[in-house]
Amino acid sequence: MATKPKLPTMLDVAKLAGVSPMTVSRALRPDTSVGKKTRENIQNAAEELGYVLNTNAANFASHKTGFVAVTIPSINNANFAETLTGLSEGLRNSGLQILLGYTDYSKDEEERLVEQFLQRRPEAVVVTGGSHTERCRRLLKQAGVPVIEMWDEPEDPIDEHIGFSNAAAASLMVDHFVSLGRTKIGFIGGDEMRDTRGLDRRRGFVRRLDELDIDSQRIVSEGPPPVTMREGVTSLTKLLEKWPDTDAVMCVSDLSAFGAISHCIRNNIQVPEQIAIAGFGAYDISEVSNPTITTIDVDAKNIGKYTAALVANRLGYSEPSDLILGKPKLLVRESTTPI
C-alpha cells in the first residue's frame, strides 16, 4: 500500500531557508516586515517544498475568514453567471474569496445554505433576491456582518440591496408592444411560486396592461425555473391554442423566447409579421437568433461588480466606488420590428 505523502511544514521551510519558523510566518504574509532578500529566500524554499501557508490560526485570531458567502438560484442561467463573474472580479483586489451556494430557486434550500454559511463565519453574505423564509430573514438580520440582497428591489430590505424592479422592466416591454399597435399580448413564464423574479415580471406585465385597459389574461405558466427553450415551445403552443389571435408575446427569458420563435418557424408562423416575440435578460442567444430577439438588458455583470464594491467598502477593503449601475433597458431587435 502506498504511503500518504507528508505535507511540508513551516519548520521544513525554516530549515531549508536557514531562518526561524516565526520569520517564515511573517515573510509569507502580505503585510510582512521581513527584508526583501530574506523574504525571497523563504519564498523560494516554500516553492521548492510545495509549502502553502495555513492561515486558519491567524484568521481565527483576527476574526477574519477572508470569504464572502453568496447564494444564486441557478448555475445554468447566463445572467446569474455574468453576475457571479462581476462579483468575483470585483472582490479579487480585496483578497476576498467567494463561498458559493446554489439554491435551485428554493427558499428552504437558501435557508439551509445560509445557516451553514454562517457557521463558517463569513465576512459578508450576498443573497440573490429579496424573498426569503422568515427564519432565513432572521438568520441574516442577526448575522452581524453586511448582508446584500442583489437582483431585486425588496419591499423590506434586510440590510442593503442592489438590483432593479422586474415589474418596471416588464412594463417597458408592454409599452413597446403597444407602440407597435399590438394589443392582444400574451405572457409566457414558469412556476411563479419558486421564481420570484419571474413572478414580478408577470405582475408588472399584468399591471401595465390593466393600466392601459388591455386584456391581461393571456398568460401561460408552466415548468420549474429556469424556464428553458423547451418550455418556450410548449407554452406558446398552449397560448395559441387558447388565444389564436395573439399578436405579441413577452417571454420570461430569452431562452423561452428562442423556443417560442423555433415553434413559429416550424409551423410557418411569421415573426414578427403575425406575432411579435420578446424575451428578457439579453443573453448571447438573443443576438444570434434568426430573427434576433428583442429583450431587456438588466446589466447583469455590473450587478455583481457593484455588489463587490459595496462589500469591499463595508468591510474596509476599499473606498466607496463611483461605479454606476445601469437601469434595465429595452433592446429592440428583429423579432418585434414594426410591420
C-alpha atoms as a PDB file:
ATOM      1  CA  MET A   1       0.000   0.000   0.000  1.00  0.00           C
ATOM      2  CA  ALA A   2       1.374   3.393  -0.958  1.00  0.00           C
ATOM      3  CA  THR A   3       2.162   5.686   1.946  1.00  0.00           C
ATOM      4  CA  LYS A   4       0.394   9.031   2.149  1.00  0.00           C
ATOM      5  CA  PRO A   5       2.796  11.861   1.208  1.00  0.00           C
ATOM      6  CA  LYS A   6       3.768  14.105   4.117  1.00  0.00           C
ATOM      7  CA  LEU A   7       2.785  17.734   3.740  1.00  0.00           C
ATOM      8  CA  PRO A   8       5.708  20.121   4.152  1.00  0.00           C
ATOM      9  CA  THR A   9       5.582  22.200   7.332  1.00  0.00           C
ATOM     10  CA  MET A  10       6.693  25.683   8.295  1.00  0.00           C
ATOM     11  CA  LEU A  11       9.583  24.072  10.187  1.00  0.00           C
ATOM     12  CA  ASP A  12      10.719  22.358   6.956  1.00  0.00           C
ATOM     13  CA  VAL A  13      10.756  25.718   5.159  1.00  0.00           C
ATOM     14  CA  ALA A  14      12.631  27.344   8.055  1.00  0.00           C
ATOM     15  CA  LYS A  15      15.326  24.652   7.992  1.00  0.00           C
ATOM     16  CA  LEU A  16      15.808  24.930   4.226  1.00  0.00           C
ATOM     17  CA  ALA A  17      15.948  28.744   4.325  1.00  0.00           C
ATOM     18  CA  GLY A  18      18.107  28.853   7.463  1.00  0.00           C
ATOM     19  CA  VAL A  19      15.698  31.005   9.480  1.00  0.00           C
ATOM     20  CA  SER A  20      13.275  30.580  12.375  1.00  0.00           C
ATOM     21  CA  PRO A  21       9.683  29.375  11.870  1.00  0.00           C
ATOM     22  CA  MET A  22       8.461  32.784  13.134  1.00  0.00           C
ATOM     23  CA  THR A  23      10.396  34.513  10.358  1.00  0.00           C
ATOM     24  CA  VAL A  24       8.794  32.183   7.806  1.00  0.00           C
ATOM     25  CA  SER A  25       5.358  33.010   9.197  1.00  0.00           C
ATOM     26  CA  ARG A  26       5.972  36.743   8.891  1.00  0.00           C
ATOM     27  CA  ALA A  27       7.602  36.527   5.456  1.00  0.00           C
ATOM     28  CA  LEU A  28       4.695  34.688   3.826  1.00  0.00           C
ATOM     29  CA  ARG A  29       2.072  37.242   4.888  1.00  0.00           C
ATOM     30  CA  PRO A  30       1.061  40.231   2.724  1.00  0.00           C
ATOM     31  CA  ASP A  31       1.903  42.787   5.440  1.00  0.00           C
ATOM     32  CA  THR A  32       5.355  41.365   6.110  1.00  0.00           C
ATOM     33  CA  SER A  33       8.137  43.348   7.777  1.00  0.00           C
ATOM     34  CA  VAL A  34      10.832  40.877   6.700  1.00  0.00           C
ATOM     35  CA  GLY A  35      13.629  42.186   4.481  1.00  0.00           C
ATOM     36  CA  LYS A  36      13.412  41.650   0.736  1.00  0.00           C
ATOM     37  CA  LYS A  37      16.362  39.221   0.410  1.00  0.00           C
ATOM     38  CA  THR A  38      15.271  37.078   3.356  1.00  0.00           C
ATOM     39  CA  ARG A  39      11.701  37.039   2.087  1.00  0.00           C
ATOM     40  CA  GLU A  40      12.836  35.906  -1.364  1.00  0.00           C
ATOM     41  CA  ASN A  41      14.920  33.076   0.156  1.00  0.00           C
ATOM     42  CA  ILE A  42      11.939  31.920   2.206  1.00  0.00           C
ATOM     43  CA  GLN A  43       9.567  32.138  -0.769  1.00  0.00           C
ATOM     44  CA  ASN A  44      12.000  30.103  -2.882  1.00  0.00           C
ATOM     45  CA  ALA A  45      12.239  27.477  -0.137  1.00  0.00           C
ATOM     46  CA  ALA A  46       8.465  27.309   0.174  1.00  0.00           C
ATOM     47  CA  GLU A  47       8.146  26.962  -3.601  1.00  0.00           C
ATOM     48  CA  GLU A  48      10.720  24.186  -3.699  1.00  0.00           C
ATOM     49  CA  LEU A  49       8.948  22.225  -0.950  1.00  0.00           C
ATOM     50  CA  GLY A  50       5.414  22.979  -2.176  1.00  0.00           C
ATOM     51  CA  TYR A  51       4.502  24.629   1.118  1.00  0.00           C
ATOM     52  CA  VAL A  52       1.324  26.730   1.436  1.00  0.00           C
ATOM     53  CA  LEU A  53       0.809  28.915   4.487  1.00  0.00           C
ATOM     54  CA  ASN A  54      -2.062  27.769   6.708  1.00  0.00           C
ATOM     55  CA  THR A  55      -3.970  30.929   7.630  1.00  0.00           C
ATOM     56  CA  ASN A  56      -6.618  29.337   9.861  1.00  0.00           C
ATOM     57  CA  ALA A  57      -4.992  30.296  13.147  1.00  0.00           C
ATOM     58  CA  ALA A  58      -4.338  33.871  12.050  1.00  0.00           C
ATOM     59  CA  ASN A  59      -7.881  34.233  10.736  1.00  0.00           C
ATOM     60  CA  PHE A  60      -9.291  32.922  13.999  1.00  0.00           C
ATOM     61  CA  ALA A  61      -7.281  35.448  15.977  1.00  0.00           C
ATOM     62  CA  SER A  62      -8.248  38.364  13.730  1.00  0.00           C
ATOM     63  CA  HIS A  63     -11.910  37.255  13.357  1.00  0.00           C
ATOM     64  CA  LYS A  64     -11.481  37.435   9.572  1.00  0.00           C
ATOM     65  CA  THR A  65     -12.123  34.409   7.394  1.00  0.00           C
ATOM     66  CA  GLY A  66     -11.388  36.018   4.039  1.00  0.00           C
ATOM     67  CA  PHE A  67     -14.540  34.820   2.283  1.00  0.00           C
ATOM     68  CA  VAL A  68     -17.939  36.145   1.271  1.00  0.00           C
ATOM     69  CA  ALA A  69     -20.896  33.757   1.229  1.00  0.00           C
ATOM     70  CA  VAL A  70     -23.013  34.018  -1.930  1.00  0.00           C
ATOM     71  CA  THR A  71     -26.225  32.274  -2.973  1.00  0.00           C
ATOM     72  CA  ILE A  72     -27.532  32.136  -6.543  1.00  0.00           C
ATOM     73  CA  PRO A  73     -30.671  30.348  -7.809  1.00  0.00           C
ATOM     74  CA  SER A  74     -29.060  28.631 -10.800  1.00  0.00           C
ATOM     75  CA  ILE A  75     -25.619  27.739 -12.107  1.00  0.00           C
ATOM     76  CA  ASN A  76     -27.032  27.309 -15.644  1.00  0.00           C
ATOM     77  CA  ASN A  77     -28.565  30.760 -16.020  1.00  0.00           C
ATOM     78  CA  ALA A  78     -26.327  33.029 -18.113  1.00  0.00           C
ATOM     79  CA  ASN A  79     -27.432  36.163 -16.257  1.00  0.00           C
ATOM     80  CA  PHE A  80     -26.506  34.787 -12.846  1.00  0.00           C
ATOM     81  CA  ALA A  81     -23.222  33.509 -14.282  1.00  0.00           C
ATOM     82  CA  GLU A  82     -22.453  37.038 -15.508  1.00  0.00           C
ATOM     83  CA  THR A  83     -23.310  38.476 -12.097  1.00  0.00           C
ATOM     84  CA  LEU A  84     -21.048  35.943 -10.402  1.00  0.00           C
ATOM     85  CA  THR A  85     -18.229  36.846 -12.807  1.00  0.00           C
ATOM     86  CA  GLY A  86     -18.617  40.530 -11.970  1.00  0.00           C
ATOM     87  CA  LEU A  87     -18.707  39.741  -8.262  1.00  0.00           C
ATOM     88  CA  SER A  88     -15.564  37.585  -8.458  1.00  0.00           C
ATOM     89  CA  GLU A  89     -13.669  40.189 -10.468  1.00  0.00           C
ATOM     90  CA  GLY A  90     -14.750  42.941  -8.103  1.00  0.00           C
ATOM     91  CA  LEU A  91     -13.620  41.097  -4.973  1.00  0.00           C
ATOM     92  CA  ARG A  92     -10.292  39.951  -6.401  1.00  0.00           C
ATOM     93  CA  ASN A  93      -8.278  43.021  -5.416  1.00  0.00           C
ATOM     94  CA  SER A  94      -9.614  42.829  -1.860  1.00  0.00           C
ATOM     95  CA  GLY A  95      -8.238  39.315  -1.382  1.00  0.00           C
ATOM     96  CA  LEU A  96     -11.727  38.016  -0.600  1.00  0.00           C
ATOM     97  CA  GLN A  97     -12.931  34.648  -1.886  1.00  0.00           C
ATOM     98  CA  ILE A  98     -16.459  33.512  -2.698  1.00  0.00           C
ATOM     99  CA  LEU A  99     -18.109  30.592  -0.933  1.00  0.00           C
ATOM    100  CA  LEU A 100     -20.902  29.756  -3.360  1.00  0.00           C
ATOM    101  CA  GLY A 101     -24.247  28.099  -2.701  1.00  0.00           C
ATOM    102  CA  TYR A 102     -26.835  27.068  -5.315  1.00  0.00           C
ATOM    103  CA  THR A 103     -30.471  27.281  -4.149  1.00  0.00           C
ATOM    104  CA  ASP A 104     -32.262  25.837  -7.213  1.00  0.00           C
ATOM    105  CA  TYR A 105     -34.890  28.573  -6.731  1.00  0.00           C
ATOM    106  CA  SER A 106     -35.857  27.090  -3.343  1.00  0.00           C
ATOM    107  CA  LYS A 107     -36.320  29.344  -0.291  1.00  0.00           C
ATOM    108  CA  ASP A 108     -35.925  26.344   2.001  1.00  0.00           C
ATOM    109  CA  GLU A 109     -32.614  25.452   0.366  1.00  0.00           C
ATOM    110  CA  GLU A 110     -31.494  29.066   0.683  1.00  0.00           C
ATOM    111  CA  GLU A 111     -32.286  28.918   4.412  1.00  0.00           C
ATOM    112  CA  ARG A 112     -30.245  25.735   4.812  1.00  0.00           C
ATOM    113  CA  LEU A 113     -27.279  27.212   2.934  1.00  0.00           C
ATOM    114  CA  VAL A 114     -27.359  30.473   4.878  1.00  0.00           C
ATOM    115  CA  GLU A 115     -27.326  28.570   8.163  1.00  0.00           C
ATOM    116  CA  GLN A 116     -24.328  26.508   7.014  1.00  0.00           C
ATOM    117  CA  PHE A 117     -22.513  29.573   5.737  1.00  0.00           C
ATOM    118  CA  LEU A 118     -22.952  31.465   8.989  1.00  0.00           C
ATOM    119  CA  GLN A 119     -21.362  28.571  10.880  1.00  0.00           C
ATOM    120  CA  ARG A 120     -18.197  29.316   8.891  1.00  0.00           C
ATOM    121  CA  ARG A 121     -18.253  32.998   9.899  1.00  0.00           C
ATOM    122  CA  PRO A 122     -18.202  34.760   6.516  1.00  0.00           C
ATOM    123  CA  GLU A 123     -17.225  38.420   6.435  1.00  0.00           C
ATOM    124  CA  ALA A 124     -20.348  39.235   4.411  1.00  0.00           C
ATOM    125  CA  VAL A 125     -23.362  37.448   2.933  1.00  0.00           C
ATOM    126  CA  VAL A 126     -24.762  38.105  -0.554  1.00  0.00           C
ATOM    127  CA  VAL A 127     -28.115  36.550  -1.475  1.00  0.00           C
ATOM    128  CA  THR A 128     -29.931  36.681  -4.802  1.00  0.00           C
ATOM    129  CA  GLY A 129     -33.415  38.104  -4.463  1.00  0.00           C
ATOM    130  CA  GLY A 130     -35.402  39.737  -1.706  1.00  0.00           C
ATOM    131  CA  SER A 131     -37.857  36.972  -0.825  1.00  0.00           C
ATOM    132  CA  HIS A 132     -36.818  34.547   1.937  1.00  0.00           C
ATOM    133  CA  THR A 133     -38.304  32.297   4.594  1.00  0.00           C
ATOM    134  CA  GLU A 134     -38.954  34.019   7.913  1.00  0.00           C
ATOM    135  CA  ARG A 135     -36.206  32.010   9.577  1.00  0.00           C
ATOM    136  CA  CYS A 136     -33.735  32.882   6.822  1.00  0.00           C
ATOM    137  CA  ARG A 137     -34.530  36.591   7.252  1.00  0.00           C
ATOM    138  CA  ARG A 138     -33.988  36.236  10.978  1.00  0.00           C
ATOM    139  CA  LEU A 139     -30.645  34.471  10.477  1.00  0.00           C
ATOM    140  CA  LEU A 140     -29.477  37.160   8.083  1.00  0.00           C
ATOM    141  CA  LYS A 141     -30.611  40.027  10.312  1.00  0.00           C
ATOM    142  CA  GLN A 142     -28.742  38.549  13.253  1.00  0.00           C
ATOM    143  CA  ALA A 143     -25.632  37.584  11.270  1.00  0.00           C
ATOM    144  CA  GLY A 144     -23.572  40.526  12.498  1.00  0.00           C
ATOM    145  CA  VAL A 145     -21.992  41.026   9.044  1.00  0.00           C
ATOM    146  CA  PRO A 146     -23.010  43.043   5.976  1.00  0.00           C
ATOM    147  CA  VAL A 147     -25.903  41.423   4.082  1.00  0.00           C
ATOM    148  CA  ILE A 148     -26.606  42.416   0.474  1.00  0.00           C
ATOM    149  CA  GLU A 149     -29.698  41.324  -1.441  1.00  0.00           C
ATOM    150  CA  MET A 150     -28.952  41.582  -5.157  1.00  0.00           C
ATOM    151  CA  TRP A 151     -31.027  41.442  -8.327  1.00  0.00           C
ATOM    152  CA  ASP A 152     -34.259  42.672  -6.708  1.00  0.00           C
ATOM    153  CA  GLU A 153     -35.681  45.743  -5.004  1.00  0.00           C
ATOM    154  CA  PRO A 154     -37.138  44.124  -1.858  1.00  0.00           C
ATOM    155  CA  GLU A 155     -40.040  45.846  -0.124  1.00  0.00           C
ATOM    156  CA  ASP A 156     -38.377  45.335   3.254  1.00  0.00           C
ATOM    157  CA  PRO A 157     -34.571  45.146   2.784  1.00  0.00           C
ATOM    158  CA  ILE A 158     -32.617  43.220   5.415  1.00  0.00           C
ATOM    159  CA  ASP A 159     -29.565  45.470   5.121  1.00  0.00           C
ATOM    160  CA  GLU A 160     -28.542  46.762   1.682  1.00  0.00           C
ATOM    161  CA  HIS A 161     -29.753  45.814  -1.768  1.00  0.00           C
ATOM    162  CA  ILE A 162     -28.526  46.205  -5.327  1.00  0.00           C
ATOM    163  CA  GLY A 163     -30.904  45.485  -8.151  1.00  0.00           C
ATOM    164  CA  PHE A 164     -33.861  46.684 -10.140  1.00  0.00           C
ATOM    165  CA  SER A 165     -37.615  46.357 -10.383  1.00  0.00           C
ATOM    166  CA  ASN A 166     -38.525  43.360 -12.536  1.00  0.00           C
ATOM    167  CA  ALA A 167     -42.089  44.655 -12.665  1.00  0.00           C
ATOM    168  CA  ALA A 168     -40.987  48.023 -14.045  1.00  0.00           C
ATOM    169  CA  ALA A 169     -38.739  46.273 -16.582  1.00  0.00           C
ATOM    170  CA  ALA A 170     -41.704  44.201 -17.798  1.00  0.00           C
ATOM    171  CA  SER A 171     -43.780  47.334 -18.261  1.00  0.00           C
ATOM    172  CA  LEU A 172     -41.127  48.608 -20.699  1.00  0.00           C
ATOM    173  CA  MET A 173     -41.854  45.643 -22.931  1.00  0.00           C
ATOM    174  CA  VAL A 174     -45.620  46.130 -22.721  1.00  0.00           C
ATOM    175  CA  ASP A 175     -45.239  49.767 -23.759  1.00  0.00           C
ATOM    176  CA  HIS A 176     -43.049  48.688 -26.674  1.00  0.00           C
ATOM    177  CA  PHE A 177     -45.668  46.219 -27.928  1.00  0.00           C
ATOM    178  CA  VAL A 178     -48.444  48.786 -27.617  1.00  0.00           C
ATOM    179  CA  SER A 179     -46.360  51.359 -29.509  1.00  0.00           C
ATOM    180  CA  LEU A 180     -46.317  48.853 -32.401  1.00  0.00           C
ATOM    181  CA  GLY A 181     -50.102  48.635 -32.371  1.00  0.00           C
ATOM    182  CA  ARG A 182     -50.144  45.210 -30.697  1.00  0.00           C
ATOM    183  CA  THR A 183     -52.981  44.842 -28.199  1.00  0.00           C
ATOM    184  CA  LYS A 184     -53.514  41.067 -27.967  1.00  0.00           C
ATOM    185  CA  ILE A 185     -50.488  40.400 -25.824  1.00  0.00           C
ATOM    186  CA  GLY A 186     -49.551  37.189 -24.057  1.00  0.00           C
ATOM    187  CA  PHE A 187     -47.028  36.234 -21.378  1.00  0.00           C
ATOM    188  CA  ILE A 188     -45.003  33.027 -21.040  1.00  0.00           C
ATOM    189  CA  GLY A 189     -43.459  32.241 -17.653  1.00  0.00           C
ATOM    190  CA  GLY A 190     -42.661  29.429 -15.246  1.00  0.00           C
ATOM    191  CA  ASP A 191     -43.668  28.294 -11.793  1.00  0.00           C
ATOM    192  CA  GLU A 192     -44.175  31.631 -10.003  1.00  0.00           C
ATOM    193  CA  MET A 193     -44.126  30.001  -6.563  1.00  0.00           C
ATOM    194  CA  ARG A 194     -40.382  29.412  -6.984  1.00  0.00           C
ATOM    195  CA  ASP A 195     -39.209  32.054  -9.446  1.00  0.00           C
ATOM    196  CA  THR A 196     -39.984  35.309  -7.630  1.00  0.00           C
ATOM    197  CA  ARG A 197     -38.270  37.404 -10.308  1.00  0.00           C
ATOM    198  CA  GLY A 198     -40.451  35.786 -12.977  1.00  0.00           C
ATOM    199  CA  LEU A 199     -43.482  36.454 -10.810  1.00  0.00           C
ATOM    200  CA  ASP A 200     -42.536  40.119 -10.521  1.00  0.00           C
ATOM    201  CA  ARG A 201     -42.232  40.341 -14.313  1.00  0.00           C
ATOM    202  CA  ARG A 202     -45.677  38.813 -14.686  1.00  0.00           C
ATOM    203  CA  ARG A 203     -47.101  41.264 -12.144  1.00  0.00           C
ATOM    204  CA  GLY A 204     -45.552  44.186 -13.996  1.00  0.00           C
ATOM    205  CA  PHE A 205     -46.923  42.839 -17.276  1.00  0.00           C
ATOM    206  CA  VAL A 206     -50.453  42.488 -15.889  1.00  0.00           C
ATOM    207  CA  ARG A 207     -50.418  45.813 -14.061  1.00  0.00           C
ATOM    208  CA  ARG A 208     -49.311  47.777 -17.122  1.00  0.00           C
ATOM    209  CA  LEU A 209     -51.902  46.143 -19.392  1.00  0.00           C
ATOM    210  CA  ASP A 210     -54.596  46.854 -16.810  1.00  0.00           C
ATOM    211  CA  GLU A 211     -53.494  50.487 -16.665  1.00  0.00           C
ATOM    212  CA  LEU A 212     -53.869  50.648 -20.452  1.00  0.00           C
ATOM    213  CA  ASP A 213     -57.251  48.870 -20.303  1.00  0.00           C
ATOM    214  CA  ILE A 214     -55.952  45.966 -22.382  1.00  0.00           C
ATOM    215  CA  ASP A 215     -56.777  42.309 -21.728  1.00  0.00           C
ATOM    216  CA  SER A 216     -54.165  40.862 -19.344  1.00  0.00           C
ATOM    217  CA  GLN A 217     -55.424  37.269 -19.131  1.00  0.00           C
ATOM    218  CA  ARG A 218     -53.286  35.714 -21.893  1.00  0.00           C
ATOM    219  CA  ILE A 219     -50.828  34.005 -19.560  1.00  0.00           C
ATOM    220  CA  VAL A 220     -49.274  30.538 -19.641  1.00  0.00           C
ATOM    221  CA  SER A 221     -47.064  29.460 -16.728  1.00  0.00           C
ATOM    222  CA  GLU A 222     -45.510  26.032 -16.721  1.00  0.00           C
ATOM    223  CA  GLY A 223     -42.283  24.267 -15.859  1.00  0.00           C
ATOM    224  CA  PRO A 224     -39.872  24.727 -12.972  1.00  0.00           C
ATOM    225  CA  PRO A 225     -37.375  27.569 -13.195  1.00  0.00           C
ATOM    226  CA  PRO A 226     -35.207  28.260 -15.010  1.00  0.00           C
ATOM    227  CA  VAL A 227     -37.636  28.210 -17.937  1.00  0.00           C
ATOM    228  CA  THR A 228     -35.900  26.695 -20.955  1.00  0.00           C
ATOM    229  CA  MET A 229     -36.327  26.633 -24.739  1.00  0.00           C
ATOM    230  CA  ARG A 230     -38.487  23.533 -24.326  1.00  0.00           C
ATOM    231  CA  GLU A 231     -40.985  25.395 -22.133  1.00  0.00           C
ATOM    232  CA  GLY A 232     -40.980  28.196 -24.688  1.00  0.00           C
ATOM    233  CA  VAL A 233     -42.220  25.735 -27.316  1.00  0.00           C
ATOM    234  CA  THR A 234     -44.876  24.048 -25.173  1.00  0.00           C
ATOM    235  CA  SER A 235     -46.089  27.296 -23.619  1.00  0.00           C
ATOM    236  CA  LEU A 236     -46.534  29.100 -26.940  1.00  0.00           C
ATOM    237  CA  THR A 237     -48.388  26.059 -28.280  1.00  0.00           C
ATOM    238  CA  LYS A 238     -50.839  26.253 -25.378  1.00  0.00           C
ATOM    239  CA  LEU A 239     -51.117  30.024 -25.630  1.00  0.00           C
ATOM    240  CA  LEU A 240     -52.044  29.965 -29.323  1.00  0.00           C
ATOM    241  CA  GLU A 241     -54.446  27.056 -28.850  1.00  0.00           C
ATOM    242  CA  LYS A 242     -56.392  29.110 -26.314  1.00  0.00           C
ATOM    243  CA  TRP A 243     -55.902  32.579 -27.862  1.00  0.00           C
ATOM    244  CA  PRO A 244     -55.121  32.036 -31.588  1.00  0.00           C
ATOM    245  CA  ASP A 245     -55.392  35.769 -32.358  1.00  0.00           C
ATOM    246  CA  THR A 246     -52.467  36.701 -30.076  1.00  0.00           C
ATOM    247  CA  ASP A 247     -50.242  39.208 -31.868  1.00  0.00           C
ATOM    248  CA  ALA A 248     -47.415  39.645 -29.319  1.00  0.00           C
ATOM    249  CA  VAL A 249     -45.790  37.575 -26.565  1.00  0.00           C
ATOM    250  CA  MET A 250     -43.459  38.535 -23.764  1.00  0.00           C
ATOM    251  CA  CYS A 251     -41.359  35.596 -22.540  1.00  0.00           C
ATOM    252  CA  VAL A 252     -39.856  35.475 -19.064  1.00  0.00           C
ATOM    253  CA  SER A 253     -36.383  34.839 -20.538  1.00  0.00           C
ATOM    254  CA  ASP A 254     -34.522  34.879 -23.836  1.00  0.00           C
ATOM    255  CA  LEU A 255     -34.286  31.087 -23.764  1.00  0.00           C
ATOM    256  CA  SER A 256     -38.055  30.664 -23.687  1.00  0.00           C
ATOM    257  CA  ALA A 257     -38.357  33.336 -26.395  1.00  0.00           C
ATOM    258  CA  PHE A 258     -35.948  31.353 -28.579  1.00  0.00           C
ATOM    259  CA  GLY A 259     -38.062  28.246 -28.049  1.00  0.00           C
ATOM    260  CA  ALA A 260     -41.226  30.157 -28.946  1.00  0.00           C
ATOM    261  CA  ILE A 261     -39.648  31.514 -32.144  1.00  0.00           C
ATOM    262  CA  SER A 262     -38.472  28.000 -33.069  1.00  0.00           C
ATOM    263  CA  HIS A 263     -42.068  26.779 -32.722  1.00  0.00           C
ATOM    264  CA  CYS A 264     -43.214  29.574 -35.033  1.00  0.00           C
ATOM    265  CA  ILE A 265     -40.609  28.728 -37.671  1.00  0.00           C
ATOM    266  CA  ARG A 266     -41.616  25.051 -37.677  1.00  0.00           C
ATOM    267  CA  ASN A 267     -45.285  25.968 -38.047  1.00  0.00           C
ATOM    268  CA  ASN A 268     -44.905  28.702 -40.687  1.00  0.00           C
ATOM    269  CA  ILE A 269     -45.952  31.472 -38.281  1.00  0.00           C
ATOM    270  CA  GLN A 270     -44.212  34.660 -39.368  1.00  0.00           C
ATOM    271  CA  VAL A 271     -42.227  36.548 -36.707  1.00  0.00           C
ATOM    272  CA  PRO A 272     -42.807  39.447 -36.307  1.00  0.00           C
ATOM    273  CA  GLU A 273     -45.397  39.857 -39.085  1.00  0.00           C
ATOM    274  CA  GLN A 274     -48.018  37.601 -37.479  1.00  0.00           C
ATOM    275  CA  ILE A 275     -46.723  37.615 -33.924  1.00  0.00           C
ATOM    276  CA  ALA A 276     -44.038  39.673 -32.182  1.00  0.00           C
ATOM    277  CA  ILE A 277     -41.973  37.760 -29.613  1.00  0.00           C
ATOM    278  CA  ALA A 278     -39.641  39.215 -26.986  1.00  0.00           C
ATOM    279  CA  GLY A 279     -37.502  37.844 -24.171  1.00  0.00           C
ATOM    280  CA  PHE A 280     -35.716  39.063 -21.076  1.00  0.00           C
ATOM    281  CA  GLY A 281     -32.081  39.096 -19.972  1.00  0.00           C
ATOM    282  CA  ALA A 282     -30.039  39.987 -23.083  1.00  0.00           C
ATOM    283  CA  TYR A 283     -28.482  36.512 -23.324  1.00  0.00           C
ATOM    284  CA  ASP A 284     -25.983  35.888 -26.125  1.00  0.00           C
ATOM    285  CA  ILE A 285     -28.561  33.722 -27.885  1.00  0.00           C
ATOM    286  CA  SER A 286     -30.805  36.762 -28.387  1.00  0.00           C
ATOM    287  CA  GLU A 287     -28.146  38.349 -30.620  1.00  0.00           C
ATOM    288  CA  VAL A 288     -27.538  35.306 -32.845  1.00  0.00           C
ATOM    289  CA  SER A 289     -31.088  34.024 -33.161  1.00  0.00           C
ATOM    290  CA  ASN A 290     -32.843  34.369 -36.512  1.00  0.00           C
ATOM    291  CA  PRO A 291     -34.662  36.656 -36.130  1.00  0.00           C
ATOM    292  CA  THR A 292     -32.676  38.370 -33.421  1.00  0.00           C
ATOM    293  CA  ILE A 293     -34.688  38.717 -30.226  1.00  0.00           C
ATOM    294  CA  THR A 294     -35.956  41.918 -28.638  1.00  0.00           C
ATOM    295  CA  THR A 295     -35.058  41.757 -24.953  1.00  0.00           C
ATOM    296  CA  ILE A 296     -34.452  43.618 -21.697  1.00  0.00           C
ATOM    297  CA  ASP A 297     -30.832  44.167 -20.684  1.00  0.00           C
ATOM    298  CA  VAL A 298     -30.533  44.237 -16.875  1.00  0.00           C
ATOM    299  CA  ASP A 299     -26.769  44.927 -16.728  1.00  0.00           C
ATOM    300  CA  ALA A 300     -26.188  41.558 -15.030  1.00  0.00           C
ATOM    301  CA  LYS A 301     -22.388  41.710 -14.790  1.00  0.00           C
ATOM    302  CA  ASN A 302     -22.431  45.168 -13.255  1.00  0.00           C
ATOM    303  CA  ILE A 303     -24.854  43.976 -10.585  1.00  0.00           C
ATOM    304  CA  GLY A 304     -22.027  41.702  -9.455  1.00  0.00           C
ATOM    305  CA  LYS A 305     -19.361  44.390  -9.751  1.00  0.00           C
ATOM    306  CA  TYR A 306     -21.437  46.920  -7.836  1.00  0.00           C
ATOM    307  CA  THR A 307     -22.191  44.335  -5.126  1.00  0.00           C
ATOM    308  CA  ALA A 308     -18.485  43.531  -4.812  1.00  0.00           C
ATOM    309  CA  ALA A 309     -17.626  47.224  -4.482  1.00  0.00           C
ATOM    310  CA  LEU A 310     -20.216  47.645  -1.746  1.00  0.00           C
ATOM    311  CA  VAL A 311     -18.966  44.578   0.142  1.00  0.00           C
ATOM    312  CA  ALA A 312     -15.337  45.713  -0.068  1.00  0.00           C
ATOM    313  CA  ASN A 313     -16.255  49.187   1.134  1.00  0.00           C
ATOM    314  CA  ARG A 314     -18.409  47.942   4.017  1.00  0.00           C
ATOM    315  CA  LEU A 315     -15.547  45.699   5.165  1.00  0.00           C
ATOM    316  CA  GLY A 316     -12.967  48.472   4.907  1.00  0.00           C
ATOM    317  CA  TYR A 317     -11.028  46.977   1.995  1.00  0.00           C
ATOM    318  CA  SER A 318     -11.663  49.906  -0.363  1.00  0.00           C
ATOM    319  CA  GLU A 319     -13.050  53.395  -0.682  1.00  0.00           C
ATOM    320  CA  PRO A 320     -16.624  53.966  -1.931  1.00  0.00           C
ATOM    321  CA  SER A 321     -16.957  53.105  -5.620  1.00  0.00           C
ATOM    322  CA  ASP A 322     -18.062  55.540  -8.324  1.00  0.00           C
ATOM    323  CA  LEU A 323     -19.437  52.622 -10.385  1.00  0.00           C
ATOM    324  CA  ILE A 324     -22.939  53.356 -11.656  1.00  0.00           C
ATOM    325  CA  LEU A 325     -25.450  50.541 -12.033  1.00  0.00           C
ATOM    326  CA  GLY A 326     -27.458  50.980 -15.191  1.00  0.00           C
ATOM    327  CA  LYS A 327     -31.230  50.678 -15.264  1.00  0.00           C
ATOM    328  CA  PRO A 328     -32.879  47.911 -17.297  1.00  0.00           C
ATOM    329  CA  LYS A 329     -33.147  48.972 -20.916  1.00  0.00           C
ATOM    330  CA  LEU A 330     -35.123  47.771 -23.883  1.00  0.00           C
ATOM    331  CA  LEU A 331     -33.096  46.369 -26.797  1.00  0.00           C
ATOM    332  CA  VAL A 332     -35.329  46.378 -29.877  1.00  0.00           C
ATOM    333  CA  ARG A 333     -34.396  43.746 -32.457  1.00  0.00           C
ATOM    334  CA  GLU A 334     -35.894  41.882 -35.420  1.00  0.00           C
ATOM    335  CA  SER A 335     -38.405  39.756 -33.510  1.00  0.00           C
ATOM    336  CA  THR A 336     -40.556  42.860 -32.855  1.00  0.00           C
ATOM    337  CA  THR A 337     -39.638  45.040 -35.826  1.00  0.00           C
ATOM    338  CA  PRO A 338     -42.583  47.265 -36.833  1.00  0.00           C
ATOM    339  CA  ILE A 339     -44.590  45.810 -39.697  1.00  0.00           C
END
